[in-house]
C-alpha cells in the first residue's frame, strides 16, 4: 500500500513538472519583459514606471503591427498624466489588436 502512495506521488510530481516546463517554454521574451516592466507597475499604479516601459515598447515596433508605436505612446502619455485608466485602455487596445497574432507568429523572438 505504501508503494502505491509513493508511485502516485511521484507520478503527480512528474506531471506537475511537465506542465510547468510546458508553460514556461510558452512564455516568450516579450511576455517576460512585460510582466516585469509593465504588469507590476500597473498593479502598483506606478505611472512613472509605466510611462518609461511604454516608451521603451514604443521604440521597438513590430513589423506588420502598424499601430504599435502610436498605442504605446498614447499609454505613456496617459501615464505621464497619472491616468491609470487611460494607460490600461492603451494596453487593452494593443492586446486586442496584436496579442493573438504575436503569440502565434513571434512569441519566441528576442525582444
PDB file of N, CA and C in Angstrom:
ATOM      1  N   UNK A   1       0.817  -1.198   0.000  1.00  0.00           N
ATOM      2  CA  UNK A   1       0.000   0.000   0.000  1.00  0.00           C
ATOM      3  C   UNK A   1       0.861   1.263   0.000  1.00  0.00           C
ATOM      4  N   UNK A   2       1.943   1.253   0.795  1.00  0.00           N
ATOM      5  CA  UNK A   2       2.824   2.414   0.849  1.00  0.00           C
ATOM      6  C   UNK A   2       3.431   2.683  -0.521  1.00  0.00           C
ATOM      7  N   UNK A   3       3.743   1.617  -1.254  1.00  0.00           N
ATOM      8  CA  UNK A   3       4.330   1.791  -2.587  1.00  0.00           C
ATOM      9  C   UNK A   3       3.354   2.463  -3.539  1.00  0.00           C
ATOM     10  N   UNK A   4       2.075   2.184  -3.403  1.00  0.00           N
ATOM     11  CA  UNK A   4       1.072   2.814  -4.261  1.00  0.00           C
ATOM     12  C   UNK A   4       1.042   4.325  -4.050  1.00  0.00           C
ATOM     13  N   UNK A   5       1.121   4.731  -2.783  1.00  0.00           N
ATOM     14  CA  UNK A   5       1.143   6.166  -2.487  1.00  0.00           C
ATOM     15  C   UNK A   5       2.413   6.812  -3.031  1.00  0.00           C
ATOM     16  N   UNK A   6       3.519   6.111  -2.905  1.00  0.00           N
ATOM     17  CA  UNK A   6       4.781   6.627  -3.409  1.00  0.00           C
ATOM     18  C   UNK A   6       4.731   6.793  -4.925  1.00  0.00           C
ATOM     19  N   UNK A   7       4.237   5.767  -5.607  1.00  0.00           N
ATOM     20  CA  UNK A   7       4.130   5.829  -7.065  1.00  0.00           C
ATOM     21  C   UNK A   7       3.169   6.944  -7.479  1.00  0.00           C
ATOM     22  N   UNK A   8       2.041   7.039  -6.788  1.00  0.00           N
ATOM     23  CA  UNK A   8       1.065   8.088  -7.119  1.00  0.00           C
ATOM     24  C   UNK A   8       1.677   9.468  -6.889  1.00  0.00           C
ATOM     25  N   UNK A   9       2.386   9.637  -5.804  1.00  0.00           N
ATOM     26  CA  UNK A   9       3.019  10.924  -5.509  1.00  0.00           C
ATOM     27  C   UNK A   9       4.072  11.281  -6.542  1.00  0.00           C
ATOM     28  N   UNK A  10       4.893  10.326  -6.921  1.00  0.00           N
ATOM     29  CA  UNK A  10       5.916  10.584  -7.934  1.00  0.00           C
ATOM     30  C   UNK A  10       5.291  10.896  -9.288  1.00  0.00           C
ATOM     31  N   UNK A  11       4.224  10.207  -9.617  1.00  0.00           N
ATOM     32  CA  UNK A  11       3.530  10.462 -10.878  1.00  0.00           C
ATOM     33  C   UNK A  11       2.971  11.876 -10.900  1.00  0.00           C
ATOM     34  N   UNK A  12       2.353  12.280  -9.803  1.00  0.00           N
ATOM     35  CA  UNK A  12       1.797  13.632  -9.734  1.00  0.00           C
ATOM     36  C   UNK A  12       2.905  14.671  -9.833  1.00  0.00           C
ATOM     37  N   UNK A  13       4.036  14.414  -9.195  1.00  0.00           N
ATOM     38  CA  UNK A  13       5.149  15.359  -9.263  1.00  0.00           C
ATOM     39  C   UNK A  13       5.698  15.452 -10.683  1.00  0.00           C
ATOM     40  N   UNK A  14       5.771  14.328 -11.364  1.00  0.00           N
ATOM     41  CA  UNK A  14       6.252  14.312 -12.745  1.00  0.00           C
ATOM     42  C   UNK A  14       5.306  15.095 -13.650  1.00  0.00           C
ATOM     43  N   UNK A  15       4.014  14.857 -13.514  1.00  0.00           N
ATOM     44  CA  UNK A  15       3.025  15.568 -14.329  1.00  0.00           C
ATOM     45  C   UNK A  15       3.099  17.070 -14.053  1.00  0.00           C
ATOM     46  N   UNK A  16       3.195  17.449 -12.805  1.00  0.00           N
ATOM     47  CA  UNK A  16       3.290  18.873 -12.457  1.00  0.00           C
ATOM     48  C   UNK A  16       4.542  19.490 -13.067  1.00  0.00           C
ATOM     49  N   UNK A  17       5.648  18.777 -13.029  1.00  0.00           N
ATOM     50  CA  UNK A  17       6.885  19.276 -13.621  1.00  0.00           C
ATOM     51  C   UNK A  17       6.773  19.445 -15.117  1.00  0.00           C
ATOM     52  N   UNK A  18       6.168  18.489 -15.787  1.00  0.00           N
ATOM     53  CA  UNK A  18       5.989  18.578 -17.238  1.00  0.00           C
ATOM     54  C   UNK A  18       5.089  19.756 -17.577  1.00  0.00           C
ATOM     55  N   UNK A  19       3.995  19.910 -16.858  1.00  0.00           N
ATOM     56  CA  UNK A  19       3.091  21.031 -17.118  1.00  0.00           C
ATOM     57  C   UNK A  19       3.786  22.358 -16.863  1.00  0.00           C
ATOM     58  N   UNK A  20       4.563  22.435 -15.813  1.00  0.00           N
ATOM     59  CA  UNK A  20       5.286  23.679 -15.525  1.00  0.00           C
ATOM     60  C   UNK A  20       6.273  23.994 -16.639  1.00  0.00           C
ATOM     61  N   UNK A  21       7.029  23.015 -17.075  1.00  0.00           N
ATOM     62  CA  UNK A  21       8.012  23.243 -18.138  1.00  0.00           C
ATOM     63  C   UNK A  21       7.337  23.593 -19.454  1.00  0.00           C
ATOM     64  N   UNK A  22       6.212  22.985 -19.742  1.00  0.00           N
ATOM     65  CA  UNK A  22       5.482  23.308 -20.960  1.00  0.00           C
ATOM     66  C   UNK A  22       5.026  24.757 -20.911  1.00  0.00           C
ATOM     67  N   UNK A  23       4.472  25.159 -19.790  1.00  0.00           N
ATOM     68  CA  UNK A  23       4.001  26.540 -19.655  1.00  0.00           C
ATOM     69  C   UNK A  23       5.180  27.510 -19.737  1.00  0.00           C
ATOM     70  N   UNK A  24       6.284  27.182 -19.092  1.00  0.00           N
ATOM     71  CA  UNK A  24       7.438  28.075 -19.099  1.00  0.00           C
ATOM     72  C   UNK A  24       7.980  28.254 -20.507  1.00  0.00           C
ATOM     73  N   UNK A  25       7.977  27.189 -21.300  1.00  0.00           N
ATOM     74  CA  UNK A  25       8.509  27.302 -22.651  1.00  0.00           C
ATOM     75  C   UNK A  25       7.574  28.108 -23.547  1.00  0.00           C
ATOM     76  N   UNK A  26       6.321  28.263 -23.135  1.00  0.00           N
ATOM     77  CA  UNK A  26       5.367  29.041 -23.915  1.00  0.00           C
ATOM     78  C   UNK A  26       5.481  30.537 -23.606  1.00  0.00           C
ATOM     79  N   UNK A  27       6.215  30.891 -22.590  1.00  0.00           N
ATOM     80  CA  UNK A  27       6.397  32.288 -22.245  1.00  0.00           C
ATOM     81  C   UNK A  27       7.566  32.826 -23.054  1.00  0.00           C
ATOM     82  N   UNK A  28       7.299  33.820 -23.868  1.00  0.00           N
ATOM     83  CA  UNK A  28       8.340  34.380 -24.713  1.00  0.00           C
ATOM     84  C   UNK A  28       9.044  35.548 -24.057  1.00  0.00           C
ATOM     85  N   UNK A  29      10.115  36.014 -24.686  1.00  0.00           N
ATOM     86  CA  UNK A  29      10.889  37.125 -24.132  1.00  0.00           C
ATOM     87  C   UNK A  29      10.070  38.399 -23.899  1.00  0.00           C
ATOM     88  N   UNK A  30       9.187  38.746 -24.834  1.00  0.00           N
ATOM     89  CA  UNK A  30       8.411  39.963 -24.630  1.00  0.00           C
ATOM     90  C   UNK A  30       7.450  39.802 -23.459  1.00  0.00           C
ATOM     91  N   UNK A  31       6.819  38.655 -23.356  1.00  0.00           N
ATOM     92  CA  UNK A  31       5.886  38.436 -22.253  1.00  0.00           C
ATOM     93  C   UNK A  31       6.617  38.543 -20.916  1.00  0.00           C
ATOM     94  N   UNK A  32       7.802  37.981 -20.829  1.00  0.00           N
ATOM     95  CA  UNK A  32       8.583  38.078 -19.594  1.00  0.00           C
ATOM     96  C   UNK A  32       8.904  39.544 -19.291  1.00  0.00           C
ATOM     97  N   UNK A  33       9.308  40.287 -20.327  1.00  0.00           N
ATOM     98  CA  UNK A  33       9.632  41.695 -20.136  1.00  0.00           C
ATOM     99  C   UNK A  33       8.398  42.471 -19.675  1.00  0.00           C
ATOM    100  N   UNK A  34       7.267  42.230 -20.328  1.00  0.00           N
ATOM    101  CA  UNK A  34       6.044  42.959 -19.968  1.00  0.00           C
ATOM    102  C   UNK A  34       5.604  42.641 -18.546  1.00  0.00           C
ATOM    103  N   UNK A  35       5.729  41.398 -18.151  1.00  0.00           N
ATOM    104  CA  UNK A  35       5.363  41.053 -16.772  1.00  0.00           C
ATOM    105  C   UNK A  35       6.234  41.810 -15.775  1.00  0.00           C
ATOM    106  N   UNK A  36       7.521  41.908 -16.069  1.00  0.00           N
ATOM    107  CA  UNK A  36       8.445  42.578 -15.149  1.00  0.00           C
ATOM    108  C   UNK A  36       8.317  44.092 -15.179  1.00  0.00           C
ATOM    109  N   UNK A  37       8.123  44.650 -16.367  1.00  0.00           N
ATOM    110  CA  UNK A  37       8.216  46.098 -16.533  1.00  0.00           C
ATOM    111  C   UNK A  37       6.891  46.828 -16.670  1.00  0.00           C
ATOM    112  N   UNK A  38       5.816  46.107 -16.926  1.00  0.00           N
ATOM    113  CA  UNK A  38       4.515  46.774 -17.072  1.00  0.00           C
ATOM    114  C   UNK A  38       3.456  46.220 -16.123  1.00  0.00           C
ATOM    115  N   UNK A  39       3.375  44.914 -15.988  1.00  0.00           N
ATOM    116  CA  UNK A  39       2.323  44.339 -15.137  1.00  0.00           C
ATOM    117  C   UNK A  39       2.511  44.740 -13.672  1.00  0.00           C
ATOM    118  N   UNK A  40       3.732  44.644 -13.186  1.00  0.00           N
ATOM    119  CA  UNK A  40       4.000  45.035 -11.800  1.00  0.00           C
ATOM    120  C   UNK A  40       3.676  46.499 -11.546  1.00  0.00           C
ATOM    121  N   UNK A  41       4.248  47.401 -12.347  1.00  0.00           N
ATOM    122  CA  UNK A  41       3.917  48.814 -12.166  1.00  0.00           C
ATOM    123  C   UNK A  41       2.420  49.111 -12.335  1.00  0.00           C
ATOM    124  N   UNK A  42       1.749  48.385 -13.234  1.00  0.00           N
ATOM    125  CA  UNK A  42       0.317  48.617 -13.406  1.00  0.00           C
ATOM    126  C   UNK A  42      -0.424  48.251 -12.115  1.00  0.00           C
ATOM    127  N   UNK A  43      -0.063  47.140 -11.516  1.00  0.00           N
ATOM    128  CA  UNK A  43      -0.700  46.724 -10.270  1.00  0.00           C
ATOM    129  C   UNK A  43      -0.456  47.692  -9.127  1.00  0.00           C
ATOM    130  N   UNK A  44       0.654  48.415  -9.198  1.00  0.00           N
ATOM    131  CA  UNK A  44       1.002  49.382  -8.158  1.00  0.00           C
ATOM    132  C   UNK A  44       0.610  50.811  -8.538  1.00  0.00           C
ATOM    133  N   UNK A  45       0.015  50.967  -9.719  1.00  0.00           N
ATOM    134  CA  UNK A  45      -0.312  52.306 -10.251  1.00  0.00           C
ATOM    135  C   UNK A  45       0.927  53.194 -10.265  1.00  0.00           C
ATOM    136  N   UNK A  46       2.061  52.597 -10.602  1.00  0.00           N
ATOM    137  CA  UNK A  46       3.335  53.317 -10.672  1.00  0.00           C
ATOM    138  C   UNK A  46       3.443  53.941 -12.060  1.00  0.00           C
ATOM    139  N   UNK A  47       2.837  55.109 -12.219  1.00  0.00           N
ATOM    140  CA  UNK A  47       2.754  55.713 -13.549  1.00  0.00           C
ATOM    141  C   UNK A  47       4.106  56.138 -14.121  1.00  0.00           C
ATOM    142  N   UNK A  48       5.093  56.577 -13.334  1.00  0.00           N
ATOM    143  CA  UNK A  48       6.394  56.868 -13.947  1.00  0.00           C
ATOM    144  C   UNK A  48       7.035  55.620 -14.571  1.00  0.00           C
ATOM    145  N   UNK A  49       6.934  54.497 -13.882  1.00  0.00           N
ATOM    146  CA  UNK A  49       7.493  53.248 -14.423  1.00  0.00           C
ATOM    147  C   UNK A  49       6.705  52.798 -15.658  1.00  0.00           C
ATOM    148  N   UNK A  50       5.403  52.979 -15.635  1.00  0.00           N
ATOM    149  CA  UNK A  50       4.581  52.628 -16.801  1.00  0.00           C
ATOM    150  C   UNK A  50       4.954  53.480 -18.010  1.00  0.00           C
ATOM    151  N   UNK A  51       5.113  54.769 -17.786  1.00  0.00           N
ATOM    152  CA  UNK A  51       5.487  55.658 -18.891  1.00  0.00           C
ATOM    153  C   UNK A  51       6.828  55.245 -19.475  1.00  0.00           C
ATOM    154  N   UNK A  52       7.783  54.956 -18.616  1.00  0.00           N
ATOM    155  CA  UNK A  52       9.110  54.528 -19.072  1.00  0.00           C
ATOM    156  C   UNK A  52       9.014  53.221 -19.871  1.00  0.00           C
ATOM    157  N   UNK A  53       8.291  52.254 -19.340  1.00  0.00           N
ATOM    158  CA  UNK A  53       8.158  50.970 -20.018  1.00  0.00           C
ATOM    159  C   UNK A  53       7.436  51.075 -21.351  1.00  0.00           C
ATOM    160  N   UNK A  54       6.388  51.878 -21.387  1.00  0.00           N
ATOM    161  CA  UNK A  54       5.634  52.030 -22.637  1.00  0.00           C
ATOM    162  C   UNK A  54       6.429  52.794 -23.682  1.00  0.00           C
ATOM    163  N   UNK A  55       7.252  53.735 -23.264  1.00  0.00           N
ATOM    164  CA  UNK A  55       8.114  54.434 -24.233  1.00  0.00           C
ATOM    165  C   UNK A  55       9.164  53.470 -24.792  1.00  0.00           C
ATOM    166  N   UNK A  56       9.652  52.593 -23.950  1.00  0.00           N
ATOM    167  CA  UNK A  56      10.590  51.570 -24.420  1.00  0.00           C
ATOM    168  C   UNK A  56       9.896  50.680 -25.455  1.00  0.00           C
ATOM    169  N   UNK A  57       8.682  50.234 -25.142  1.00  0.00           N
ATOM    170  CA  UNK A  57       7.919  49.392 -26.071  1.00  0.00           C
ATOM    171  C   UNK A  57       7.635  50.131 -27.370  1.00  0.00           C
ATOM    172  N   UNK A  58       7.322  51.411 -27.277  1.00  0.00           N
ATOM    173  CA  UNK A  58       7.050  52.211 -28.477  1.00  0.00           C
ATOM    174  C   UNK A  58       8.267  52.255 -29.388  1.00  0.00           C
ATOM    175  N   UNK A  59       9.447  52.198 -28.801  1.00  0.00           N
ATOM    176  CA  UNK A  59      10.682  52.237 -29.565  1.00  0.00           C
ATOM    177  C   UNK A  59      11.070  50.902 -30.172  1.00  0.00           C
ATOM    178  N   UNK A  60      10.252  49.892 -29.979  1.00  0.00           N
ATOM    179  CA  UNK A  60      10.522  48.562 -30.517  1.00  0.00           C
ATOM    180  C   UNK A  60       9.332  48.093 -31.364  1.00  0.00           C
ATOM    181  N   UNK A  61       9.024  48.826 -32.435  1.00  0.00           N
ATOM    182  CA  UNK A  61       7.870  48.449 -33.249  1.00  0.00           C
ATOM    183  C   UNK A  61       8.059  47.064 -33.866  1.00  0.00           C
ATOM    184  N   UNK A  62       6.960  46.382 -34.022  1.00  0.00           N
ATOM    185  CA  UNK A  62       6.970  45.041 -34.602  1.00  0.00           C
ATOM    186  C   UNK A  62       6.468  45.142 -36.037  1.00  0.00           C
ATOM    187  N   UNK A  63       7.224  44.606 -36.993  1.00  0.00           N
ATOM    188  CA  UNK A  63       6.796  44.670 -38.391  1.00  0.00           C
ATOM    189  C   UNK A  63       5.375  44.123 -38.571  1.00  0.00           C
ATOM    190  N   UNK A  64       4.587  44.870 -39.318  1.00  0.00           N
ATOM    191  CA  UNK A  64       3.204  44.458 -39.583  1.00  0.00           C
ATOM    192  C   UNK A  64       2.207  44.896 -38.526  1.00  0.00           C
ATOM    193  N   UNK A  65       2.693  45.442 -37.442  1.00  0.00           N
ATOM    194  CA  UNK A  65       1.818  45.908 -36.364  1.00  0.00           C
ATOM    195  C   UNK A  65       1.908  47.429 -36.336  1.00  0.00           C
ATOM    196  N   UNK A  66       1.253  48.023 -37.314  1.00  0.00           N
ATOM    197  CA  UNK A  66       1.436  49.432 -37.645  1.00  0.00           C
ATOM    198  C   UNK A  66       1.016  50.423 -36.567  1.00  0.00           C
ATOM    199  N   UNK A  67       0.131  50.023 -35.673  1.00  0.00           N
ATOM    200  CA  UNK A  67      -0.345  50.955 -34.653  1.00  0.00           C
ATOM    201  C   UNK A  67       0.398  50.796 -33.320  1.00  0.00           C
ATOM    202  N   UNK A  68       1.345  49.872 -33.284  1.00  0.00           N
ATOM    203  CA  UNK A  68       2.096  49.548 -32.069  1.00  0.00           C
ATOM    204  C   UNK A  68       2.670  50.797 -31.393  1.00  0.00           C
ATOM    205  N   UNK A  69       3.451  51.556 -32.139  1.00  0.00           N
ATOM    206  CA  UNK A  69       4.143  52.723 -31.571  1.00  0.00           C
ATOM    207  C   UNK A  69       3.149  53.777 -31.097  1.00  0.00           C
ATOM    208  N   UNK A  70       2.137  54.065 -31.905  1.00  0.00           N
ATOM    209  CA  UNK A  70       1.148  55.075 -31.542  1.00  0.00           C
ATOM    210  C   UNK A  70       0.428  54.682 -30.257  1.00  0.00           C
ATOM    211  N   UNK A  71       0.013  53.431 -30.165  1.00  0.00           N
ATOM    212  CA  UNK A  71      -0.725  52.977 -28.982  1.00  0.00           C
ATOM    213  C   UNK A  71       0.157  53.023 -27.738  1.00  0.00           C
ATOM    214  N   UNK A  72       1.396  52.569 -27.858  1.00  0.00           N
ATOM    215  CA  UNK A  72       2.301  52.590 -26.704  1.00  0.00           C
ATOM    216  C   UNK A  72       2.573  54.024 -26.254  1.00  0.00           C
ATOM    217  N   UNK A  73       2.758  54.927 -27.211  1.00  0.00           N
ATOM    218  CA  UNK A  73       2.975  56.333 -26.851  1.00  0.00           C
ATOM    219  C   UNK A  73       1.744  56.947 -26.196  1.00  0.00           C
ATOM    220  N   UNK A  74       0.553  56.575 -26.652  1.00  0.00           N
ATOM    221  CA  UNK A  74      -0.669  57.064 -26.001  1.00  0.00           C
ATOM    222  C   UNK A  74      -0.723  56.594 -24.550  1.00  0.00           C
ATOM    223  N   UNK A  75      -0.345  55.359 -24.324  1.00  0.00           N
ATOM    224  CA  UNK A  75      -0.322  54.837 -22.956  1.00  0.00           C
ATOM    225  C   UNK A  75       0.698  55.556 -22.096  1.00  0.00           C
ATOM    226  N   UNK A  76       1.866  55.826 -22.668  1.00  0.00           N
ATOM    227  CA  UNK A  76       2.908  56.552 -21.936  1.00  0.00           C
ATOM    228  C   UNK A  76       2.446  57.972 -21.609  1.00  0.00           C
ATOM    229  N   UNK A  77       1.797  58.620 -22.572  1.00  0.00           N
ATOM    230  CA  UNK A  77       1.281  59.976 -22.326  1.00  0.00           C
ATOM    231  C   UNK A  77       0.237  59.962 -21.211  1.00  0.00           C
ATOM    232  N   UNK A  78      -0.632  58.956 -21.218  1.00  0.00           N
ATOM    233  CA  UNK A  78      -1.641  58.843 -20.161  1.00  0.00           C
ATOM    234  C   UNK A  78      -0.948  58.614 -18.810  1.00  0.00           C
ATOM    235  N   UNK A  79       0.062  57.763 -18.796  1.00  0.00           N
ATOM    236  CA  UNK A  79       0.796  57.507 -17.546  1.00  0.00           C
ATOM    237  C   UNK A  79       1.472  58.773 -17.042  1.00  0.00           C
ATOM    238  N   UNK A  80       2.017  59.569 -17.954  1.00  0.00           N
ATOM    239  CA  UNK A  80       2.642  60.841 -17.555  1.00  0.00           C
ATOM    240  C   UNK A  80       1.651  61.753 -16.843  1.00  0.00           C
ATOM    241  N   UNK A  81       0.385  61.651 -17.213  1.00  0.00           N
ATOM    242  CA  UNK A  81      -0.664  62.475 -16.603  1.00  0.00           C
ATOM    243  C   UNK A  81      -1.242  61.831 -15.340  1.00  0.00           C
ATOM    244  N   UNK A  82      -0.746  60.640 -14.983  1.00  0.00           N
ATOM    245  CA  UNK A  82      -1.281  59.932 -13.822  1.00  0.00           C
ATOM    246  C   UNK A  82      -2.587  59.233 -14.110  1.00  0.00           C
ATOM    247  N   UNK A  83      -2.913  59.067 -15.380  1.00  0.00           N
ATOM    248  CA  UNK A  83      -4.182  58.474 -15.817  1.00  0.00           C
ATOM    249  C   UNK A  83      -4.027  56.955 -15.980  1.00  0.00           C
ATOM    250  N   UNK A  84      -4.217  56.232 -14.885  1.00  0.00           N
ATOM    251  CA  UNK A  84      -4.053  54.775 -14.910  1.00  0.00           C
ATOM    252  C   UNK A  84      -5.090  54.132 -15.827  1.00  0.00           C
ATOM    253  N   UNK A  85      -6.318  54.614 -15.791  1.00  0.00           N
ATOM    254  CA  UNK A  85      -7.361  54.029 -16.648  1.00  0.00           C
ATOM    255  C   UNK A  85      -7.041  54.238 -18.129  1.00  0.00           C
ATOM    256  N   UNK A  86      -6.527  55.412 -18.476  1.00  0.00           N
ATOM    257  CA  UNK A  86      -6.126  55.667 -19.852  1.00  0.00           C
ATOM    258  C   UNK A  86      -4.965  54.781 -20.274  1.00  0.00           C
ATOM    259  N   UNK A  87      -4.058  54.544 -19.345  1.00  0.00           N
ATOM    260  CA  UNK A  87      -2.929  53.654 -19.622  1.00  0.00           C
ATOM    261  C   UNK A  87      -3.436  52.236 -19.844  1.00  0.00           C
ATOM    262  N   UNK A  88      -4.343  51.779 -18.990  1.00  0.00           N
ATOM    263  CA  UNK A  88      -4.926  50.441 -19.153  1.00  0.00           C
ATOM    264  C   UNK A  88      -5.642  50.323 -20.493  1.00  0.00           C
ATOM    265  N   UNK A  89      -6.342  51.372 -20.887  1.00  0.00           N
ATOM    266  CA  UNK A  89      -7.064  51.348 -22.169  1.00  0.00           C
ATOM    267  C   UNK A  89      -6.088  51.189 -23.333  1.00  0.00           C
ATOM    268  N   UNK A  90      -4.939  51.826 -23.228  1.00  0.00           N
ATOM    269  CA  UNK A  90      -3.913  51.692 -24.254  1.00  0.00           C
ATOM    270  C   UNK A  90      -3.412  50.249 -24.326  1.00  0.00           C
ATOM    271  N   UNK A  91      -3.131  49.682 -23.180  1.00  0.00           N
ATOM    272  CA  UNK A  91      -2.665  48.285 -23.143  1.00  0.00           C
ATOM    273  C   UNK A  91      -3.715  47.356 -23.748  1.00  0.00           C
ATOM    274  N   UNK A  92      -4.968  47.572 -23.366  1.00  0.00           N
ATOM    275  CA  UNK A  92      -6.036  46.725 -23.881  1.00  0.00           C
ATOM    276  C   UNK A  92      -6.168  46.876 -25.397  1.00  0.00           C
ATOM    277  N   UNK A  93      -6.053  48.083 -25.904  1.00  0.00           N
ATOM    278  CA  UNK A  93      -6.161  48.304 -27.352  1.00  0.00           C
ATOM    279  C   UNK A  93      -5.077  47.535 -28.097  1.00  0.00           C
ATOM    280  N   UNK A  94      -3.861  47.585 -27.589  1.00  0.00           N
ATOM    281  CA  UNK A  94      -2.752  46.884 -28.246  1.00  0.00           C
ATOM    282  C   UNK A  94      -2.958  45.374 -28.154  1.00  0.00           C
ATOM    283  N   UNK A  95      -3.337  44.895 -26.987  1.00  0.00           N
ATOM    284  CA  UNK A  95      -3.566  43.460 -26.825  1.00  0.00           C
ATOM    285  C   UNK A  95      -4.698  42.975 -27.725  1.00  0.00           C
ATOM    286  N   UNK A  96      -5.759  43.774 -27.832  1.00  0.00           N
ATOM    287  CA  UNK A  96      -6.875  43.395 -28.694  1.00  0.00           C
ATOM    288  C   UNK A  96      -6.424  43.263 -30.144  1.00  0.00           C
ATOM    289  N   UNK A  97      -5.618  44.195 -30.590  1.00  0.00           N
ATOM    290  CA  UNK A  97      -5.151  44.169 -31.976  1.00  0.00           C
ATOM    291  C   UNK A  97      -4.088  43.107 -32.239  1.00  0.00           C
ATOM    292  N   UNK A  98      -3.140  42.934 -31.314  1.00  0.00           N
ATOM    293  CA  UNK A  98      -1.923  42.217 -31.658  1.00  0.00           C
ATOM    294  C   UNK A  98      -1.570  40.997 -30.810  1.00  0.00           C
ATOM    295  N   UNK A  99      -2.143  40.826 -29.656  1.00  0.00           N
ATOM    296  CA  UNK A  99      -1.689  39.758 -28.760  1.00  0.00           C
ATOM    297  C   UNK A  99      -1.788  38.372 -29.397  1.00  0.00           C
ATOM    298  N   UNK A 100      -2.905  38.064 -29.993  1.00  0.00           N
ATOM    299  CA  UNK A 100      -3.087  36.723 -30.553  1.00  0.00           C
ATOM    300  C   UNK A 100      -2.097  36.457 -31.688  1.00  0.00           C
ATOM    301  N   UNK A 101      -1.986  37.375 -32.632  1.00  0.00           N
ATOM    302  CA  UNK A 101      -1.092  37.163 -33.765  1.00  0.00           C
ATOM    303  C   UNK A 101       0.365  37.155 -33.309  1.00  0.00           C
ATOM    304  N   UNK A 102       0.705  37.972 -32.327  1.00  0.00           N
ATOM    305  CA  UNK A 102       2.075  37.979 -31.815  1.00  0.00           C
ATOM    306  C   UNK A 102       2.405  36.615 -31.206  1.00  0.00           C
ATOM    307  N   UNK A 103       1.498  36.103 -30.389  1.00  0.00           N
ATOM    308  CA  UNK A 103       1.730  34.799 -29.766  1.00  0.00           C
ATOM    309  C   UNK A 103       1.865  33.698 -30.815  1.00  0.00           C
ATOM    310  N   UNK A 104       1.063  33.787 -31.858  1.00  0.00           N
ATOM    311  CA  UNK A 104       1.077  32.743 -32.886  1.00  0.00           C
ATOM    312  C   UNK A 104       2.308  32.814 -33.782  1.00  0.00           C
ATOM    313  N   UNK A 105       2.871  33.994 -33.989  1.00  0.00           N
ATOM    314  CA  UNK A 105       3.925  34.135 -35.002  1.00  0.00           C
ATOM    315  C   UNK A 105       5.273  34.598 -34.469  1.00  0.00           C
ATOM    316  N   UNK A 106       5.310  35.247 -33.313  1.00  0.00           N
ATOM    317  CA  UNK A 106       6.563  35.868 -32.877  1.00  0.00           C
ATOM    318  C   UNK A 106       6.929  35.606 -31.413  1.00  0.00           C
ATOM    319  N   UNK A 107       6.185  34.771 -30.740  1.00  0.00           N
ATOM    320  CA  UNK A 107       6.345  34.594 -29.289  1.00  0.00           C
ATOM    321  C   UNK A 107       7.789  34.382 -28.854  1.00  0.00           C
ATOM    322  N   UNK A 108       8.532  33.582 -29.562  1.00  0.00           N
ATOM    323  CA  UNK A 108       9.873  33.241 -29.091  1.00  0.00           C
ATOM    324  C   UNK A 108      10.972  34.154 -29.630  1.00  0.00           C
ATOM    325  N   UNK A 109      10.608  35.194 -30.365  1.00  0.00           N
ATOM    326  CA  UNK A 109      11.619  36.128 -30.866  1.00  0.00           C
ATOM    327  C   UNK A 109      12.221  36.927 -29.720  1.00  0.00           C
ATOM    328  N   UNK A 110      13.492  37.246 -29.862  1.00  0.00           N
ATOM    329  CA  UNK A 110      14.123  38.128 -28.872  1.00  0.00           C
ATOM    330  C   UNK A 110      13.437  39.474 -28.908  1.00  0.00           C
ATOM    331  N   UNK A 111      13.356  40.070 -27.727  1.00  0.00           N
ATOM    332  CA  UNK A 111      12.689  41.361 -27.655  1.00  0.00           C
ATOM    333  C   UNK A 111      13.446  42.302 -26.792  1.00  0.00           C
TER     334      UNK A 111
END
